[in-house]
Amino acid sequence: MSRTSFYIGDLVLGANDGIITSFAVISGAAGAGLPAFVVIVLGLANLVADGISMGLSNYLSLESMKEAEEMVGVSEKRLDHPSKHGLATAFAFSSAGILPLIPYFFNISPSTQFFVAIAATAISLFAVGASRTIVTGAHWFRSGMEMLLVGGFAALAAYSVGAAVKAYLG
């Protein structure tokens, strides 16, 4: 098993969640009609806090599994320490999660920022999904579309919540 295939789950989980949660923040803010400054603040706070949470949660999950296996006498040889998996997850989360926010850092018309973020998110989700095939051997288009559809569903839900809250609270 190659080193990449050993970390593929961590990388896919981190990148997918990073892109989706960042875009969920953007979608909710766009649905509520919030300004770009708010999107940037919420997006960066999400990247830092959720990236740390994802990495540490992966570490704790793997460490707990290792301890449980040791309790019952199972001694499965792991290639790497759980902390390396946690770091891989956090790195993938943060590096992929920044992509949907990029349009908000540039002097793009506020009326088009959300649409540019949609395009950046769609391309990012598809690319991460398609890149899984390096390890899995699955068809690249199908893998890319799977991740794009999952992310699209989450983004639609977030936008709907933002729009509903705006409509309710005005």
N, C-alpha and C. Protein backbone atom coordinates (compact mmCIF):
# COMPACT_ATOMS: atom_id res chain seq x y z
N MET A 1 0.85 -1.17 0.00
CA MET A 1 0.00 0.00 0.00
C MET A 1 0.90 1.24 0.00
N SER A 2 0.62 2.16 -0.92
CA SER A 2 1.43 3.37 -1.00
C SER A 2 1.10 4.32 0.15
N ARG A 3 1.98 5.24 0.42
CA ARG A 3 1.78 6.23 1.47
C ARG A 3 0.53 7.07 1.18
N THR A 4 0.32 7.43 -0.08
CA THR A 4 -0.85 8.22 -0.46
C THR A 4 -2.13 7.46 -0.17
N SER A 5 -2.17 6.19 -0.52
CA SER A 5 -3.41 5.43 -0.31
C SER A 5 -3.70 5.26 1.17
N PHE A 6 -2.65 5.25 2.00
CA PHE A 6 -2.85 5.13 3.43
C PHE A 6 -3.52 6.37 4.02
N TYR A 7 -3.29 7.52 3.41
CA TYR A 7 -3.86 8.79 3.89
C TYR A 7 -5.06 9.25 3.09
N ILE A 8 -5.48 8.50 2.08
CA ILE A 8 -6.54 8.97 1.20
C ILE A 8 -7.82 9.31 1.96
N GLY A 9 -8.19 8.49 2.92
CA GLY A 9 -9.39 8.77 3.69
C GLY A 9 -9.30 10.08 4.45
N ASP A 10 -8.16 10.33 5.06
CA ASP A 10 -7.93 11.58 5.79
C ASP A 10 -7.98 12.78 4.86
N LEU A 11 -7.34 12.65 3.70
CA LEU A 11 -7.27 13.76 2.76
C LEU A 11 -8.62 14.06 2.13
N VAL A 12 -9.35 13.01 1.75
CA VAL A 12 -10.66 13.22 1.15
C VAL A 12 -11.63 13.80 2.17
N LEU A 13 -11.64 13.23 3.37
CA LEU A 13 -12.52 13.74 4.42
C LEU A 13 -12.22 15.21 4.72
N GLY A 14 -10.95 15.52 4.92
CA GLY A 14 -10.57 16.90 5.25
C GLY A 14 -10.88 17.87 4.12
N ALA A 15 -10.50 17.53 2.89
CA ALA A 15 -10.74 18.43 1.77
C ALA A 15 -12.22 18.61 1.50
N ASN A 16 -12.96 17.52 1.50
CA ASN A 16 -14.40 17.59 1.25
C ASN A 16 -15.09 18.45 2.31
N ASP A 17 -14.79 18.19 3.56
CA ASP A 17 -15.43 18.94 4.63
C ASP A 17 -14.99 20.41 4.63
N GLY A 18 -13.72 20.65 4.31
CA GLY A 18 -13.23 22.02 4.24
C GLY A 18 -13.94 22.83 3.18
N ILE A 19 -14.06 22.25 1.99
CA ILE A 19 -14.73 22.96 0.89
C ILE A 19 -16.21 23.16 1.23
N ILE A 20 -16.85 22.10 1.70
CA ILE A 20 -18.29 22.17 1.94
C ILE A 20 -18.63 23.12 3.08
N THR A 21 -17.91 23.04 4.20
CA THR A 21 -18.27 23.92 5.31
C THR A 21 -17.93 25.38 5.00
N SER A 22 -16.84 25.62 4.28
CA SER A 22 -16.53 26.99 3.89
C SER A 22 -17.62 27.54 2.98
N PHE A 23 -18.01 26.73 2.01
CA PHE A 23 -19.05 27.21 1.10
C PHE A 23 -20.40 27.28 1.79
N ALA A 24 -20.63 26.46 2.79
CA ALA A 24 -21.87 26.54 3.55
C ALA A 24 -21.96 27.89 4.27
N VAL A 25 -20.84 28.34 4.82
CA VAL A 25 -20.79 29.66 5.46
C VAL A 25 -21.10 30.74 4.41
N ILE A 26 -20.46 30.63 3.26
CA ILE A 26 -20.67 31.60 2.19
C ILE A 26 -22.13 31.58 1.73
N SER A 27 -22.68 30.39 1.53
CA SER A 27 -24.06 30.24 1.06
C SER A 27 -25.06 30.80 2.05
N GLY A 28 -24.86 30.48 3.31
CA GLY A 28 -25.75 31.01 4.35
C GLY A 28 -25.70 32.51 4.41
N ALA A 29 -24.49 33.06 4.31
CA ALA A 29 -24.32 34.51 4.33
C ALA A 29 -24.94 35.15 3.10
N ALA A 30 -24.76 34.51 1.93
CA ALA A 30 -25.35 35.05 0.70
C ALA A 30 -26.87 34.99 0.77
N GLY A 31 -27.39 33.89 1.29
CA GLY A 31 -28.84 33.76 1.44
C GLY A 31 -29.41 34.83 2.35
N ALA A 32 -28.64 35.21 3.36
CA ALA A 32 -29.08 36.24 4.31
C ALA A 32 -28.73 37.65 3.84
N GLY A 33 -27.98 37.75 2.74
CA GLY A 33 -27.62 39.07 2.21
C GLY A 33 -26.55 39.77 3.02
N LEU A 34 -25.65 39.04 3.66
CA LEU A 34 -24.60 39.64 4.49
C LEU A 34 -23.46 40.16 3.61
N PRO A 35 -22.74 41.19 4.06
CA PRO A 35 -21.65 41.76 3.27
C PRO A 35 -20.41 40.86 3.24
N ALA A 36 -19.53 41.14 2.27
CA ALA A 36 -18.32 40.34 2.06
C ALA A 36 -17.44 40.29 3.31
N PHE A 37 -17.34 41.40 4.04
CA PHE A 37 -16.52 41.43 5.26
C PHE A 37 -16.96 40.34 6.24
N VAL A 38 -18.25 40.18 6.40
CA VAL A 38 -18.80 39.17 7.31
C VAL A 38 -18.49 37.77 6.79
N VAL A 39 -18.59 37.59 5.48
CA VAL A 39 -18.27 36.30 4.87
C VAL A 39 -16.83 35.92 5.16
N ILE A 40 -15.92 36.88 5.00
CA ILE A 40 -14.49 36.61 5.25
C ILE A 40 -14.24 36.26 6.71
N VAL A 41 -14.81 37.02 7.62
CA VAL A 41 -14.62 36.76 9.05
C VAL A 41 -15.16 35.38 9.41
N LEU A 42 -16.39 35.10 9.01
CA LEU A 42 -16.98 33.79 9.33
C LEU A 42 -16.24 32.66 8.64
N GLY A 43 -15.84 32.87 7.39
CA GLY A 43 -15.12 31.83 6.66
C GLY A 43 -13.77 31.51 7.27
N LEU A 44 -13.01 32.53 7.64
CA LEU A 44 -11.69 32.29 8.26
C LEU A 44 -11.83 31.66 9.65
N ALA A 45 -12.81 32.13 10.41
CA ALA A 45 -13.05 31.53 11.72
C ALA A 45 -13.41 30.05 11.57
N ASN A 46 -14.22 29.74 10.58
CA ASN A 46 -14.58 28.35 10.30
C ASN A 46 -13.35 27.54 9.92
N LEU A 47 -12.50 28.09 9.06
CA LEU A 47 -11.30 27.35 8.63
C LEU A 47 -10.40 27.01 9.80
N VAL A 48 -10.18 27.96 10.66
CA VAL A 48 -9.28 27.73 11.80
C VAL A 48 -9.91 26.77 12.80
N ALA A 49 -11.11 27.10 13.27
CA ALA A 49 -11.73 26.28 14.32
C ALA A 49 -12.11 24.90 13.84
N ASP A 50 -12.73 24.81 12.68
CA ASP A 50 -13.17 23.50 12.20
C ASP A 50 -11.99 22.67 11.70
N GLY A 51 -10.97 23.32 11.15
CA GLY A 51 -9.76 22.58 10.74
C GLY A 51 -9.08 21.94 11.93
N ILE A 52 -8.95 22.70 13.02
CA ILE A 52 -8.37 22.14 14.25
C ILE A 52 -9.26 21.02 14.78
N SER A 53 -10.56 21.26 14.81
CA SER A 53 -11.50 20.26 15.31
C SER A 53 -11.45 18.98 14.48
N MET A 54 -11.43 19.11 13.16
CA MET A 54 -11.38 17.92 12.30
C MET A 54 -10.10 17.13 12.54
N GLY A 55 -8.98 17.81 12.59
CA GLY A 55 -7.70 17.11 12.80
C GLY A 55 -7.64 16.42 14.14
N LEU A 56 -8.02 17.14 15.19
CA LEU A 56 -7.97 16.55 16.53
C LEU A 56 -9.01 15.44 16.70
N SER A 57 -10.17 15.60 16.07
CA SER A 57 -11.19 14.55 16.15
C SER A 57 -10.73 13.28 15.45
N ASN A 58 -10.06 13.44 14.31
CA ASN A 58 -9.53 12.26 13.62
C ASN A 58 -8.46 11.58 14.49
N TYR A 59 -7.58 12.39 15.07
CA TYR A 59 -6.56 11.84 15.97
C TYR A 59 -7.21 11.08 17.13
N LEU A 60 -8.18 11.71 17.80
CA LEU A 60 -8.83 11.07 18.95
C LEU A 60 -9.57 9.80 18.54
N SER A 61 -10.19 9.81 17.39
CA SER A 61 -10.89 8.64 16.89
C SER A 61 -9.93 7.47 16.66
N LEU A 62 -8.83 7.74 15.98
CA LEU A 62 -7.86 6.68 15.70
C LEU A 62 -7.14 6.23 16.96
N GLU A 63 -6.84 7.17 17.84
CA GLU A 63 -6.19 6.81 19.11
C GLU A 63 -7.13 5.95 19.96
N SER A 64 -8.41 6.29 19.98
CA SER A 64 -9.39 5.49 20.73
C SER A 64 -9.51 4.09 20.15
N MET A 65 -9.52 4.00 18.81
CA MET A 65 -9.60 2.69 18.18
C MET A 65 -8.36 1.86 18.51
N LYS A 66 -7.21 2.49 18.51
CA LYS A 66 -5.96 1.80 18.85
C LYS A 66 -5.99 1.30 20.29
N GLU A 67 -6.46 2.15 21.21
CA GLU A 67 -6.54 1.76 22.62
C GLU A 67 -7.55 0.64 22.82
N ALA A 68 -8.68 0.70 22.11
CA ALA A 68 -9.68 -0.36 22.23
C ALA A 68 -9.14 -1.69 21.71
N GLU A 69 -8.39 -1.64 20.62
CA GLU A 69 -7.79 -2.87 20.08
C GLU A 69 -6.78 -3.45 21.06
N GLU A 70 -6.01 -2.58 21.71
CA GLU A 70 -5.03 -3.04 22.69
C GLU A 70 -5.72 -3.68 23.90
N MET A 71 -6.89 -3.15 24.28
CA MET A 71 -7.65 -3.69 25.42
C MET A 71 -8.11 -5.12 25.17
N VAL A 72 -8.48 -5.41 23.93
CA VAL A 72 -8.98 -6.76 23.62
C VAL A 72 -7.89 -7.66 23.06
N GLY A 73 -6.67 -7.18 23.05
CA GLY A 73 -5.55 -8.01 22.64
C GLY A 73 -5.28 -8.05 21.15
N VAL A 74 -5.90 -7.17 20.41
CA VAL A 74 -5.62 -7.09 18.98
C VAL A 74 -4.41 -6.19 18.81
N SER A 75 -3.44 -6.65 18.09
CA SER A 75 -2.24 -5.83 17.89
C SER A 75 -2.01 -5.61 16.40
N GLU A 76 -2.90 -4.86 15.79
CA GLU A 76 -2.77 -4.54 14.37
C GLU A 76 -1.66 -3.51 14.20
N LYS A 77 -0.76 -3.78 13.29
CA LYS A 77 0.35 -2.86 13.03
C LYS A 77 -0.15 -1.72 12.16
N ARG A 78 -0.07 -0.52 12.66
CA ARG A 78 -0.47 0.67 11.91
C ARG A 78 0.79 1.28 11.28
N LEU A 79 0.63 1.83 10.11
CA LEU A 79 1.77 2.41 9.43
C LEU A 79 2.24 3.71 10.07
N ASP A 80 1.33 4.47 10.59
CA ASP A 80 1.68 5.76 11.16
C ASP A 80 0.90 6.02 12.43
N HIS A 81 1.40 6.95 13.21
CA HIS A 81 0.74 7.35 14.45
C HIS A 81 -0.53 8.14 14.12
N PRO A 82 -1.57 8.02 14.94
CA PRO A 82 -2.81 8.77 14.70
C PRO A 82 -2.61 10.28 14.55
N SER A 83 -1.57 10.83 15.16
CA SER A 83 -1.34 12.28 15.03
C SER A 83 -1.04 12.67 13.58
N LYS A 84 -0.38 11.80 12.83
CA LYS A 84 -0.09 12.11 11.43
C LYS A 84 -1.36 12.13 10.59
N HIS A 85 -2.30 11.25 10.94
CA HIS A 85 -3.59 11.25 10.24
C HIS A 85 -4.37 12.52 10.59
N GLY A 86 -4.30 12.94 11.84
CA GLY A 86 -4.96 14.17 12.25
C GLY A 86 -4.40 15.37 11.53
N LEU A 87 -3.08 15.42 11.40
CA LEU A 87 -2.44 16.52 10.68
C LEU A 87 -2.83 16.52 9.20
N ALA A 88 -2.89 15.33 8.61
CA ALA A 88 -3.29 15.23 7.19
C ALA A 88 -4.72 15.75 7.00
N THR A 89 -5.60 15.39 7.91
CA THR A 89 -6.98 15.84 7.83
C THR A 89 -7.07 17.35 7.98
N ALA A 90 -6.39 17.90 8.98
CA ALA A 90 -6.41 19.35 9.21
C ALA A 90 -5.80 20.11 8.03
N PHE A 91 -4.71 19.60 7.50
CA PHE A 91 -4.07 20.25 6.35
C PHE A 91 -4.99 20.25 5.13
N ALA A 92 -5.60 19.11 4.84
CA ALA A 92 -6.50 19.02 3.69
C ALA A 92 -7.71 19.93 3.89
N PHE A 93 -8.23 19.97 5.10
CA PHE A 93 -9.38 20.83 5.41
C PHE A 93 -9.05 22.29 5.11
N SER A 94 -7.96 22.76 5.66
CA SER A 94 -7.60 24.18 5.53
C SER A 94 -7.19 24.56 4.12
N SER A 95 -6.39 23.72 3.47
CA SER A 95 -5.91 24.07 2.14
C SER A 95 -7.03 24.02 1.10
N ALA A 96 -7.94 23.09 1.21
CA ALA A 96 -9.06 23.02 0.27
C ALA A 96 -10.17 23.99 0.68
N GLY A 97 -10.35 24.17 1.98
CA GLY A 97 -11.43 25.02 2.47
C GLY A 97 -11.27 26.49 2.16
N ILE A 98 -10.06 26.93 1.89
CA ILE A 98 -9.84 28.34 1.56
C ILE A 98 -10.32 28.67 0.14
N LEU A 99 -10.42 27.67 -0.72
CA LEU A 99 -10.74 27.92 -2.12
C LEU A 99 -12.07 28.65 -2.34
N PRO A 100 -13.16 28.27 -1.68
CA PRO A 100 -14.41 29.01 -1.90
C PRO A 100 -14.37 30.46 -1.40
N LEU A 101 -13.46 30.77 -0.50
CA LEU A 101 -13.36 32.13 0.05
C LEU A 101 -12.55 33.09 -0.82
N ILE A 102 -11.75 32.56 -1.72
CA ILE A 102 -10.83 33.39 -2.49
C ILE A 102 -11.51 34.57 -3.18
N PRO A 103 -12.67 34.40 -3.80
CA PRO A 103 -13.29 35.57 -4.47
C PRO A 103 -13.57 36.74 -3.53
N TYR A 104 -13.71 36.48 -2.26
CA TYR A 104 -14.03 37.55 -1.31
C TYR A 104 -12.80 38.35 -0.89
N PHE A 105 -11.62 37.88 -1.23
CA PHE A 105 -10.38 38.60 -0.90
C PHE A 105 -9.95 39.56 -2.00
N PHE A 106 -10.60 39.48 -3.14
CA PHE A 106 -10.22 40.32 -4.27
C PHE A 106 -11.29 41.35 -4.55
N ASN A 107 -10.92 42.35 -5.31
CA ASN A 107 -11.82 43.45 -5.62
C ASN A 107 -12.78 43.04 -6.74
N ILE A 108 -13.59 42.04 -6.44
CA ILE A 108 -14.60 41.58 -7.39
C ILE A 108 -15.91 42.23 -6.98
N SER A 109 -16.71 42.57 -7.95
CA SER A 109 -18.00 43.19 -7.67
C SER A 109 -18.80 42.33 -6.69
N PRO A 110 -19.34 42.94 -5.64
CA PRO A 110 -20.13 42.17 -4.67
C PRO A 110 -21.27 41.38 -5.31
N SER A 111 -21.78 41.86 -6.43
CA SER A 111 -22.88 41.15 -7.08
C SER A 111 -22.42 39.86 -7.76
N THR A 112 -21.11 39.74 -8.02
CA THR A 112 -20.61 38.53 -8.68
C THR A 112 -19.79 37.62 -7.76
N GLN A 113 -19.43 38.11 -6.57
CA GLN A 113 -18.59 37.31 -5.68
C GLN A 113 -19.18 35.93 -5.39
N PHE A 114 -20.45 35.88 -5.09
CA PHE A 114 -21.08 34.60 -4.76
C PHE A 114 -21.05 33.66 -5.95
N PHE A 115 -21.25 34.18 -7.15
CA PHE A 115 -21.23 33.33 -8.34
C PHE A 115 -19.83 32.81 -8.65
N VAL A 116 -18.82 33.64 -8.41
CA VAL A 116 -17.44 33.19 -8.57
C VAL A 116 -17.12 32.12 -7.50
N ALA A 117 -17.62 32.33 -6.28
CA ALA A 117 -17.44 31.34 -5.21
C ALA A 117 -18.12 30.02 -5.56
N ILE A 118 -19.29 30.09 -6.19
CA ILE A 118 -19.98 28.87 -6.63
C ILE A 118 -19.10 28.11 -7.62
N ALA A 119 -18.56 28.83 -8.60
CA ALA A 119 -17.70 28.19 -9.60
C ALA A 119 -16.44 27.61 -8.96
N ALA A 120 -15.79 28.37 -8.07
CA ALA A 120 -14.58 27.88 -7.40
C ALA A 120 -14.88 26.64 -6.57
N THR A 121 -16.03 26.64 -5.92
CA THR A 121 -16.42 25.51 -5.09
C THR A 121 -16.71 24.29 -5.95
N ALA A 122 -17.46 24.47 -7.02
CA ALA A 122 -17.81 23.35 -7.90
C ALA A 122 -16.55 22.73 -8.50
N ILE A 123 -15.65 23.56 -8.97
CA ILE A 123 -14.40 23.05 -9.55
C ILE A 123 -13.58 22.33 -8.50
N SER A 124 -13.49 22.91 -7.30
CA SER A 124 -12.72 22.30 -6.22
C SER A 124 -13.29 20.94 -5.81
N LEU A 125 -14.60 20.89 -5.62
CA LEU A 125 -15.24 19.64 -5.23
C LEU A 125 -15.03 18.56 -6.29
N PHE A 126 -15.24 18.94 -7.54
CA PHE A 126 -15.07 17.97 -8.62
C PHE A 126 -13.62 17.49 -8.69
N ALA A 127 -12.67 18.42 -8.58
CA ALA A 127 -11.25 18.06 -8.66
C ALA A 127 -10.82 17.13 -7.53
N VAL A 128 -11.26 17.42 -6.31
CA VAL A 128 -10.93 16.55 -5.18
C VAL A 128 -11.55 15.17 -5.39
N GLY A 129 -12.81 15.16 -5.79
CA GLY A 129 -13.47 13.88 -6.04
C GLY A 129 -12.80 13.08 -7.13
N ALA A 130 -12.47 13.74 -8.23
CA ALA A 130 -11.82 13.05 -9.34
C ALA A 130 -10.43 12.57 -8.96
N SER A 131 -9.73 13.31 -8.12
CA SER A 131 -8.37 12.92 -7.74
C SER A 131 -8.34 11.67 -6.86
N ARG A 132 -9.47 11.32 -6.27
CA ARG A 132 -9.52 10.08 -5.50
C ARG A 132 -9.16 8.87 -6.35
N THR A 133 -9.40 8.98 -7.64
CA THR A 133 -9.19 7.83 -8.53
C THR A 133 -7.72 7.46 -8.65
N ILE A 134 -6.83 8.35 -8.26
CA ILE A 134 -5.41 8.03 -8.26
C ILE A 134 -5.16 6.81 -7.38
N VAL A 135 -5.92 6.72 -6.30
CA VAL A 135 -5.76 5.62 -5.34
C VAL A 135 -6.82 4.55 -5.52
N THR A 136 -8.06 4.97 -5.80
CA THR A 136 -9.16 4.01 -5.82
C THR A 136 -9.31 3.26 -7.13
N GLY A 137 -8.87 3.84 -8.23
CA GLY A 137 -9.04 3.22 -9.54
C GLY A 137 -10.44 3.38 -10.11
N ALA A 138 -11.33 4.07 -9.40
CA ALA A 138 -12.68 4.30 -9.89
C ALA A 138 -12.65 5.29 -11.06
N HIS A 139 -13.75 5.43 -11.77
CA HIS A 139 -13.81 6.36 -12.88
C HIS A 139 -13.76 7.79 -12.37
N TRP A 140 -12.91 8.62 -12.94
CA TRP A 140 -12.68 9.98 -12.46
C TRP A 140 -13.93 10.84 -12.53
N PHE A 141 -14.72 10.71 -13.61
CA PHE A 141 -15.89 11.56 -13.75
C PHE A 141 -16.94 11.22 -12.70
N ARG A 142 -17.16 9.95 -12.49
CA ARG A 142 -18.14 9.51 -11.48
C ARG A 142 -17.71 9.97 -10.09
N SER A 143 -16.44 9.79 -9.77
CA SER A 143 -15.93 10.20 -8.46
C SER A 143 -16.04 11.70 -8.26
N GLY A 144 -15.74 12.47 -9.30
CA GLY A 144 -15.86 13.92 -9.22
C GLY A 144 -17.30 14.36 -9.04
N MET A 145 -18.20 13.74 -9.78
CA MET A 145 -19.62 14.10 -9.68
C MET A 145 -20.20 13.72 -8.32
N GLU A 146 -19.77 12.61 -7.74
CA GLU A 146 -20.24 12.23 -6.40
C GLU A 146 -19.95 13.33 -5.40
N MET A 147 -18.72 13.79 -5.40
CA MET A 147 -18.35 14.82 -4.43
C MET A 147 -19.03 16.14 -4.74
N LEU A 148 -19.17 16.46 -6.01
CA LEU A 148 -19.85 17.70 -6.40
C LEU A 148 -21.31 17.67 -5.96
N LEU A 149 -21.99 16.56 -6.11
CA LEU A 149 -23.40 16.46 -5.70
C LEU A 149 -23.57 16.54 -4.19
N VAL A 150 -22.70 15.89 -3.44
CA VAL A 150 -22.76 15.97 -1.98
C VAL A 150 -22.57 17.42 -1.52
N GLY A 151 -21.55 18.07 -2.07
CA GLY A 151 -21.30 19.47 -1.71
C GLY A 151 -22.41 20.40 -2.16
N GLY A 152 -22.96 20.15 -3.34
CA GLY A 152 -24.06 20.96 -3.84
C GLY A 152 -25.30 20.87 -2.96
N PHE A 153 -25.59 19.68 -2.49
CA PHE A 153 -26.73 19.49 -1.60
C PHE A 153 -26.54 20.26 -0.30
N ALA A 154 -25.34 20.17 0.27
CA ALA A 154 -25.05 20.89 1.51
C ALA A 154 -25.13 22.40 1.30
N ALA A 155 -24.62 22.88 0.17
CA ALA A 155 -24.66 24.32 -0.12
C ALA A 155 -26.08 24.82 -0.30
N LEU A 156 -26.90 24.04 -0.98
CA LEU A 156 -28.30 24.42 -1.16
C LEU A 156 -29.02 24.50 0.18
N ALA A 157 -28.73 23.56 1.05
CA ALA A 157 -29.34 23.58 2.39
C ALA A 157 -28.91 24.82 3.16
N ALA A 158 -27.62 25.16 3.11
CA ALA A 158 -27.12 26.33 3.83
C ALA A 158 -27.71 27.63 3.27
N TYR A 159 -27.78 27.74 1.96
CA TYR A 159 -28.36 28.92 1.35
C TYR A 159 -29.82 29.06 1.76
N SER A 160 -30.54 27.95 1.76
CA SER A 160 -31.96 27.97 2.14
C SER A 160 -32.15 28.42 3.57
N VAL A 161 -31.29 27.98 4.46
CA VAL A 161 -31.38 28.41 5.86
C VAL A 161 -31.13 29.91 5.97
N GLY A 162 -30.09 30.40 5.29
CA GLY A 162 -29.81 31.84 5.32
C GLY A 162 -30.96 32.66 4.78
N ALA A 163 -31.54 32.22 3.68
CA ALA A 163 -32.66 32.94 3.08
C ALA A 163 -33.89 32.88 3.98
N ALA A 164 -34.12 31.73 4.61
CA ALA A 164 -35.29 31.58 5.49
C ALA A 164 -35.15 32.45 6.74
N VAL A 165 -33.96 32.50 7.31
CA VAL A 165 -33.74 33.35 8.49
C VAL A 165 -33.90 34.82 8.12
N LYS A 166 -33.38 35.20 6.96
CA LYS A 166 -33.53 36.59 6.51
C LYS A 166 -35.01 36.93 6.32
N ALA A 167 -35.74 36.02 5.70
CA ALA A 167 -37.18 36.26 5.46
C ALA A 167 -37.94 36.34 6.77
N TYR A 168 -37.58 35.50 7.74
CA TYR A 168 -38.28 35.46 9.02
C TYR A 168 -37.93 36.66 9.90
N LEU A 169 -36.62 36.96 9.98
CA LEU A 169 -36.19 38.04 10.88
C LEU A 169 -36.04 39.38 10.17
N GLY A 170 -36.05 39.34 8.85
CA GLY A 170 -36.07 40.54 8.05
C GLY A 170 -34.80 41.30 7.97
